Protein backbone atom coordinates (compact mmCIF):
# COMPACT_ATOMS: atom_id res chain seq x y z
CA UNK A 1 -50.34 21.65 7.60
CA UNK A 2 -47.55 24.16 7.35
CA UNK A 3 -45.47 22.19 9.83
CA UNK A 4 -46.17 19.01 7.85
CA UNK A 5 -45.07 20.68 4.62
CA UNK A 6 -41.95 22.02 6.32
CA UNK A 7 -41.04 18.54 7.58
CA UNK A 8 -41.71 17.06 4.14
CA UNK A 9 -39.50 19.67 2.50
CA UNK A 10 -36.74 19.00 5.05
CA UNK A 11 -36.93 15.26 4.45
CA UNK A 12 -36.92 15.77 0.67
CA UNK A 13 -33.89 18.07 1.01
CA UNK A 14 -32.06 15.49 3.10
CA UNK A 15 -32.85 12.76 0.54
CA UNK A 16 -31.59 14.95 -2.32
CA UNK A 17 -28.41 15.71 -0.41
CA UNK A 18 -27.94 12.01 0.31
CA UNK A 19 -28.46 11.03 -3.31
CA UNK A 20 -26.12 13.76 -4.56
CA UNK A 21 -23.45 12.67 -2.08
CA UNK A 22 -23.78 9.04 -3.13
CA UNK A 23 -23.62 9.93 -6.85
CA UNK A 24 -20.59 12.22 -6.24
CA UNK A 25 -18.86 9.49 -4.24
CA UNK A 26 -19.41 6.91 -6.99
CA UNK A 27 -18.21 9.34 -9.66
CA UNK A 28 -15.07 10.03 -7.63
CA UNK A 29 -14.46 6.27 -7.23
CA UNK A 30 -14.84 5.71 -10.99
CA UNK A 31 -12.43 8.58 -11.77
CA UNK A 32 -9.84 7.31 -9.28
CA UNK A 33 -10.14 3.75 -10.61
CA UNK A 34 -9.71 4.95 -14.22
CA UNK A 35 -6.67 7.03 -13.30
CA UNK A 36 -5.18 4.07 -11.44
CA UNK A 37 -5.72 1.74 -14.41
CA UNK A 38 -4.26 4.35 -16.77
CA UNK A 39 -1.18 4.66 -14.51
CA UNK A 40 -0.72 0.88 -14.35
CA UNK A 41 -0.98 0.48 -18.10
CA UNK A 42 1.46 3.38 -18.69
CA UNK A 43 3.85 1.92 -16.16
CA UNK A 44 3.67 -1.49 -17.80
CA UNK A 45 4.37 0.02 -21.26
CA UNK A 46 7.34 1.96 -19.82
CA UNK A 47 8.77 -1.15 -18.23
CA UNK A 48 8.32 -3.14 -21.44
CA UNK A 49 10.19 -0.47 -23.41
CA UNK A 50 12.87 -0.25 -20.72
CA UNK A 51 13.43 -3.99 -20.85
CA UNK A 52 13.05 -4.26 -24.61
CA UNK A 53 15.99 -6.65 -24.75
CA UNK A 54 13.90 -9.36 -23.06
CA UNK A 55 15.55 -9.27 -19.64
CA UNK A 56 12.27 -9.00 -17.75
CA UNK A 57 10.53 -11.71 -19.68
CA UNK A 58 13.64 -13.86 -19.30
CA UNK A 59 13.79 -13.05 -15.60
CA UNK A 60 10.37 -14.56 -14.97
CA UNK A 61 9.77 -18.25 -14.83
CA UNK A 62 7.83 -20.02 -17.55
CA UNK A 63 4.76 -20.35 -15.32
CA UNK A 64 4.81 -16.70 -14.32
CA UNK A 65 3.43 -13.46 -15.63
CA UNK A 66 2.49 -12.47 -19.07
CA UNK A 67 0.47 -9.38 -18.12
CA UNK A 68 0.65 -6.53 -15.64
CA UNK A 69 -1.62 -8.31 -13.12
CA UNK A 70 0.52 -11.46 -13.14
CA UNK A 71 3.70 -9.39 -12.89
CA UNK A 72 2.28 -7.38 -9.96
CA UNK A 73 1.33 -10.57 -8.11
CA UNK A 74 4.67 -12.15 -9.01
CA UNK A 75 6.61 -9.27 -7.43
CA UNK A 76 4.48 -9.59 -4.26
CA UNK A 77 5.42 -13.24 -3.91
CA UNK A 78 2.29 -14.87 -5.36
CA UNK A 79 3.99 -16.90 -8.08
CA UNK A 80 1.69 -19.79 -8.80
CA UNK A 81 0.06 -20.11 -12.22
CA UNK A 82 -3.38 -19.70 -10.69
CA UNK A 83 -2.57 -16.56 -8.74
CA UNK A 84 -4.24 -14.10 -11.22
CA UNK A 85 -7.41 -16.13 -11.33
CA UNK A 86 -7.48 -16.41 -7.56
CA UNK A 87 -7.00 -12.66 -7.29
CA UNK A 88 -9.87 -12.02 -9.71
CA UNK A 89 -12.09 -14.46 -7.83
CA UNK A 90 -11.15 -12.71 -4.54
CA UNK A 91 -12.01 -9.32 -6.04
CA UNK A 92 -15.39 -10.57 -7.24
CA UNK A 93 -16.14 -12.17 -3.87
CA UNK A 94 -15.13 -9.07 -1.95
CA UNK A 95 -17.22 -6.91 -4.31
CA UNK A 96 -20.28 -9.03 -3.59
CA UNK A 97 -19.61 -8.99 0.13
CA UNK A 98 -18.91 -5.26 0.15
CA UNK A 99 -22.09 -4.24 -1.62
CA UNK A 100 -23.99 -6.81 0.42
CA UNK A 101 -22.64 -5.25 3.61
CA UNK A 102 -23.64 -1.77 2.35
CA UNK A 103 -27.13 -2.99 1.49
CA UNK A 104 -27.45 -4.70 4.89
CA UNK A 105 -26.32 -1.51 6.58
CA UNK A 106 -29.05 0.42 4.76
CA UNK A 107 -31.86 -2.12 5.09
CA UNK A 108 -31.25 -2.95 8.75
CA UNK A 109 -32.13 0.60 9.81
CA UNK A 110 -28.72 1.14 11.38
CA UNK A 111 -28.16 4.27 9.28
CA UNK A 112 -31.43 5.74 10.55
CA UNK A 113 -30.42 5.04 14.15
CA UNK A 114 -27.08 6.74 13.54
CA UNK A 115 -28.80 9.75 11.97
CA UNK A 116 -31.15 10.15 14.93
CA UNK A 117 -28.27 9.73 17.32
CA UNK A 118 -26.10 12.32 15.58
CA UNK A 119 -28.97 14.82 15.34
CA UNK A 120 -29.45 14.65 19.12
CA UNK A 121 -26.10 16.36 19.66
CA UNK A 122 -27.06 19.78 21.13
CA UNK A 123 -26.54 23.03 19.34
CA UNK A 124 -27.00 21.61 15.85
CA UNK A 125 -23.39 20.43 15.79
CA UNK A 126 -24.40 16.86 14.97
CA UNK A 127 -26.00 17.87 11.68
CA UNK A 128 -22.59 18.63 10.29
CA UNK A 129 -21.74 14.90 10.63
CA UNK A 130 -24.81 13.72 8.71
CA UNK A 131 -22.90 13.46 5.34
CA UNK A 132 -20.45 11.10 7.03
CA UNK A 133 -23.35 8.92 8.20
CA UNK A 134 -24.88 8.96 4.72
CA UNK A 135 -21.63 7.92 3.05
CA UNK A 136 -20.72 5.30 5.73
CA UNK A 137 -22.30 2.29 3.86
CA UNK A 138 -20.42 3.13 0.67
CA UNK A 139 -17.17 3.53 2.59
CA UNK A 140 -17.64 0.08 4.15
CA UNK A 141 -18.33 -1.42 0.72
CA UNK A 142 -15.29 0.24 -0.88
CA UNK A 143 -13.03 -0.91 1.95
CA UNK A 144 -14.20 -4.50 1.51
CA UNK A 145 -13.81 -4.32 -2.27
CA UNK A 146 -10.23 -3.03 -1.93
CA UNK A 147 -9.23 -5.73 0.58
CA UNK A 148 -7.44 -7.99 -1.99
CA UNK A 149 -5.55 -5.00 -3.41
CA UNK A 150 -4.36 -3.86 0.00
CA UNK A 151 -3.37 -7.44 0.88
CA UNK A 152 -1.16 -7.74 -2.24
CA UNK A 153 0.34 -4.27 -1.67
CA UNK A 154 1.18 -5.09 1.94
CA UNK A 155 2.76 -8.38 0.86
CA UNK A 156 4.90 -6.53 -1.71
CA UNK A 157 5.98 -3.91 0.86
CA UNK A 158 6.78 -6.59 3.41
CA UNK A 159 8.83 -8.51 0.89
CA UNK A 160 10.74 -5.35 -0.14
CA UNK A 161 11.37 -4.47 3.52
CA UNK A 162 12.73 -7.94 4.28
CA UNK A 163 15.04 -7.90 1.24
CA UNK A 164 16.36 -4.41 2.06
CA UNK A 165 16.89 -5.53 5.67
CA UNK A 166 18.95 -8.57 4.69
CA UNK A 167 20.88 -7.03 1.79
CA UNK A 168 23.49 -4.99 3.81
CA UNK A 169 24.46 -8.01 5.90
CA UNK A 170 24.66 -10.24 2.84
CA UNK A 171 26.86 -7.77 1.01
CA UNK A 172 29.16 -7.37 4.03
CA UNK A 173 29.56 -11.12 4.31
CA UNK A 174 30.13 -11.59 0.58
CA UNK A 175 32.72 -8.76 0.54
CA UNK A 176 34.56 -10.26 3.53
CA UNK A 177 34.52 -13.79 2.05
CA UNK A 178 35.68 -12.48 -1.34
CA UNK A 179 38.51 -10.59 0.25
CA UNK A 180 39.44 -13.80 2.09
CA UNK A 181 39.94 -15.58 -1.25
CA UNK A 182 36.59 -17.22 -2.02
CA UNK A 183 34.96 -16.81 -5.35
CA UNK A 184 31.64 -15.08 -5.81
CA UNK A 185 29.68 -18.35 -6.15
CA UNK A 186 31.39 -19.98 -3.15
CA UNK A 187 30.74 -16.90 -1.01
CA UNK A 188 27.11 -16.92 -2.14
CA UNK A 189 26.69 -20.59 -1.17
CA UNK A 190 28.26 -19.91 2.22
CA UNK A 191 25.88 -17.03 2.85
CA UNK A 192 22.81 -19.07 1.87
CA UNK A 193 23.56 -21.41 4.78
CA UNK A 194 23.45 -18.59 7.33
CA UNK A 195 20.52 -16.78 9.00
CA UNK A 196 19.22 -15.68 5.60
CA UNK A 197 17.79 -19.14 4.93
CA UNK A 198 14.03 -18.98 4.47
CA UNK A 199 14.02 -15.25 3.71
CA UNK A 200 12.97 -13.74 0.34
CA UNK A 201 16.51 -12.68 -0.49
CA UNK A 202 17.77 -16.20 0.06
CA UNK A 203 15.08 -17.69 -2.16
CA UNK A 204 15.97 -15.26 -4.97
CA UNK A 205 19.70 -16.03 -4.58
CA UNK A 206 18.86 -19.74 -4.72
CA UNK A 207 17.07 -19.13 -8.02
CA UNK A 208 20.12 -17.25 -9.26
CA UNK A 209 22.36 -20.16 -8.28
CA UNK A 210 19.93 -22.58 -10.01
CA UNK A 211 20.23 -20.52 -13.17
CA UNK A 212 24.02 -20.86 -13.03
CA UNK A 213 23.77 -24.62 -12.51
CA UNK A 214 21.40 -24.77 -15.50
CA UNK A 215 24.13 -23.33 -17.71
CA UNK A 216 23.01 -19.74 -18.06
CA UNK A 217 25.70 -17.04 -18.34
CA UNK A 218 26.40 -15.09 -15.17
CA UNK A 219 25.29 -11.75 -16.69
CA UNK A 220 21.98 -13.16 -17.82
CA UNK A 221 21.45 -14.82 -14.42
CA UNK A 222 22.13 -11.51 -12.66
CA UNK A 223 19.68 -9.68 -14.88
CA UNK A 224 17.09 -12.34 -14.21
CA UNK A 225 17.69 -11.81 -10.50
CA UNK A 226 17.12 -8.05 -10.89
CA UNK A 227 13.96 -8.67 -12.94
CA UNK A 228 12.48 -10.99 -10.33
CA UNK A 229 12.92 -8.46 -7.51
CA UNK A 230 12.77 -4.96 -9.09
CA UNK A 231 14.23 -3.05 -6.15
CA UNK A 232 16.53 -0.08 -6.57
CA UNK A 233 19.31 -1.47 -4.35
CA UNK A 234 19.33 -4.79 -6.17
CA UNK A 235 19.30 -3.06 -9.58
CA UNK A 236 22.34 -0.92 -8.62
CA UNK A 237 24.16 -3.96 -7.27
CA UNK A 238 23.40 -6.03 -10.37
CA UNK A 239 24.58 -3.18 -12.64
CA UNK A 240 27.87 -2.96 -10.77
CA UNK A 241 28.38 -6.75 -10.89
CA UNK A 242 27.57 -6.89 -14.61
CA UNK A 243 30.00 -4.08 -15.33
CA UNK A 244 32.69 -5.80 -13.28
CA UNK A 245 32.03 -9.07 -15.08
CA UNK A 246 32.24 -7.44 -18.51
CA UNK A 247 35.41 -5.46 -17.73
CA UNK A 248 37.17 -8.22 -15.83
CA UNK A 249 37.49 -6.27 -12.58
CA UNK A 250 38.10 -7.80 -9.17
CA UNK A 251 34.79 -8.82 -7.61
CA UNK A 252 35.96 -8.28 -4.03
CA UNK A 253 36.54 -4.54 -4.51
CA UNK A 254 33.16 -4.15 -6.19
CA UNK A 255 31.36 -6.01 -3.40
CA UNK A 256 33.10 -3.92 -0.72
CA UNK A 257 32.19 -0.66 -2.44
CA UNK A 258 28.61 -1.80 -2.91
CA UNK A 259 28.38 -2.92 0.72
CA UNK A 260 29.57 0.49 1.89
CA UNK A 261 27.16 2.20 -0.47
CA UNK A 262 24.18 0.10 0.68
CA UNK A 263 25.05 0.74 4.31
CA UNK A 264 25.30 4.49 3.67
CA UNK A 265 21.91 4.53 1.88
CA UNK A 266 20.36 2.56 4.74
CA UNK A 267 21.76 5.06 7.27
CA UNK A 268 20.39 7.96 5.18
CA UNK A 269 16.95 6.34 5.03
CA UNK A 270 16.96 5.84 8.80
CA UNK A 271 17.93 9.51 9.37
CA UNK A 272 15.23 10.69 6.94
CA UNK A 273 12.66 8.51 8.65
CA UNK A 274 13.66 9.83 12.09
CA UNK A 275 13.45 13.44 10.82
CA UNK A 276 9.99 12.85 9.34
CA UNK A 277 8.49 11.43 12.54
CA UNK A 278 7.52 14.84 14.06
CA UNK A 279 5.63 15.75 10.90
CA UNK A 280 3.95 12.34 10.72
CA UNK A 281 2.87 12.56 14.35
CA UNK A 282 1.27 15.94 13.77
CA UNK A 283 -1.71 14.58 11.78
CA UNK A 284 -2.79 11.89 14.28
CA UNK A 285 -2.33 14.43 17.09
CA UNK A 286 -4.52 17.07 15.40
CA UNK A 287 -7.12 14.71 13.94
CA UNK A 288 -7.44 12.10 16.71
CA UNK A 289 -6.17 13.35 20.06
CA UNK A 290 -6.94 17.09 20.13
CA UNK A 291 -10.67 16.77 19.24
CA UNK A 292 -11.09 14.23 22.05
CA UNK A 293 -9.32 16.51 24.50
CA UNK A 294 -11.44 19.47 23.44
CA UNK A 295 -14.66 17.47 23.76
CA UNK A 296 -13.62 16.11 27.15
CA UNK A 297 -12.59 19.48 28.59
CA UNK A 298 -14.75 22.02 26.78
CA UNK A 299 -17.74 19.84 25.87
CA UNK A 300 -19.82 20.45 29.05
CA UNK A 301 -19.14 24.20 28.87
CA UNK A 302 -20.32 24.33 25.25
CA UNK A 303 -23.43 22.32 26.07
CA UNK A 304 -24.32 24.79 28.84
CA UNK A 305 -23.60 27.68 26.48
CA UNK A 306 -25.90 26.24 23.81
CA UNK A 307 -28.66 25.68 26.34
CA UNK A 308 -28.28 29.20 27.68
CA UNK A 309 -28.36 30.64 24.14
CA UNK A 310 -31.46 28.59 23.27
CA UNK A 311 -33.18 29.74 26.45
CA UNK A 312 -32.28 33.36 25.75
CA UNK A 313 -33.58 33.22 22.17
CA UNK A 314 -36.83 31.63 23.22
CA UNK A 315 -37.30 34.12 26.05
CA UNK A 316 -36.57 37.00 23.69
CA UNK A 317 -39.20 35.86 21.25
CA UNK A 318 -36.78 35.09 18.44
């Protein structure tokens, strides 16, 4: 009876630990989600105040965003009128699938099998990994729920990377053509027929050229271009071009200075990325490779040591 009561108390303690971990995990998710929503709303209010003259709203097409979700999808390249509704539907579908996968993980008995497998690790080391096993269904559900968000974020990062990759070459070509005597618009049309065709930067420059053909002023068209992309390099370039347009400066000299500046910033980013690689490689090395090496080399010795310690304690009557 005493052994039965001890086992019952152990099982009850494990259940309480599991419930407390699940509740703590859900509370942490709610807090993180609330902080993220608060950050997004504050960022949207800041951007609306920053562009209080209507440049951002003018920069977006008539079928595009009126709220922070539509603007976020617009900047990532999802510019159809139904993009926000499709994103909300995807979030709801992934939420159902995520919690369904978590429930299936719990009801199929796979968690119990993992618990028994982890507990079999000698020396009581496996019990330290029991919280990870208990939280595993919720982690799977959260990852599936966040799948649409990560997809949009990756699309935005890929779009920014492609624009920043094409911008130095485009500026070099525009500066060279402007110095050869072509106007800004003629140099732009010549560049759009090069290898940039089909790239995000080319599509945005085509929209800029369409604004000019529609009769919009050059300054307003440039600001619309900056509002559609919202990248630091483009904003600096547009500010320089707008200033040159307002002051009547030569566009060739401005393009050359901007091309040199963009190339220097790109070189600095490459140097900073190269210098950060040793630090970035430290975490995968410590977290992923070194534990495997330790288990492979020292694992059998530790197993024998645990067995010897257990035999000694039993023989000593402890």
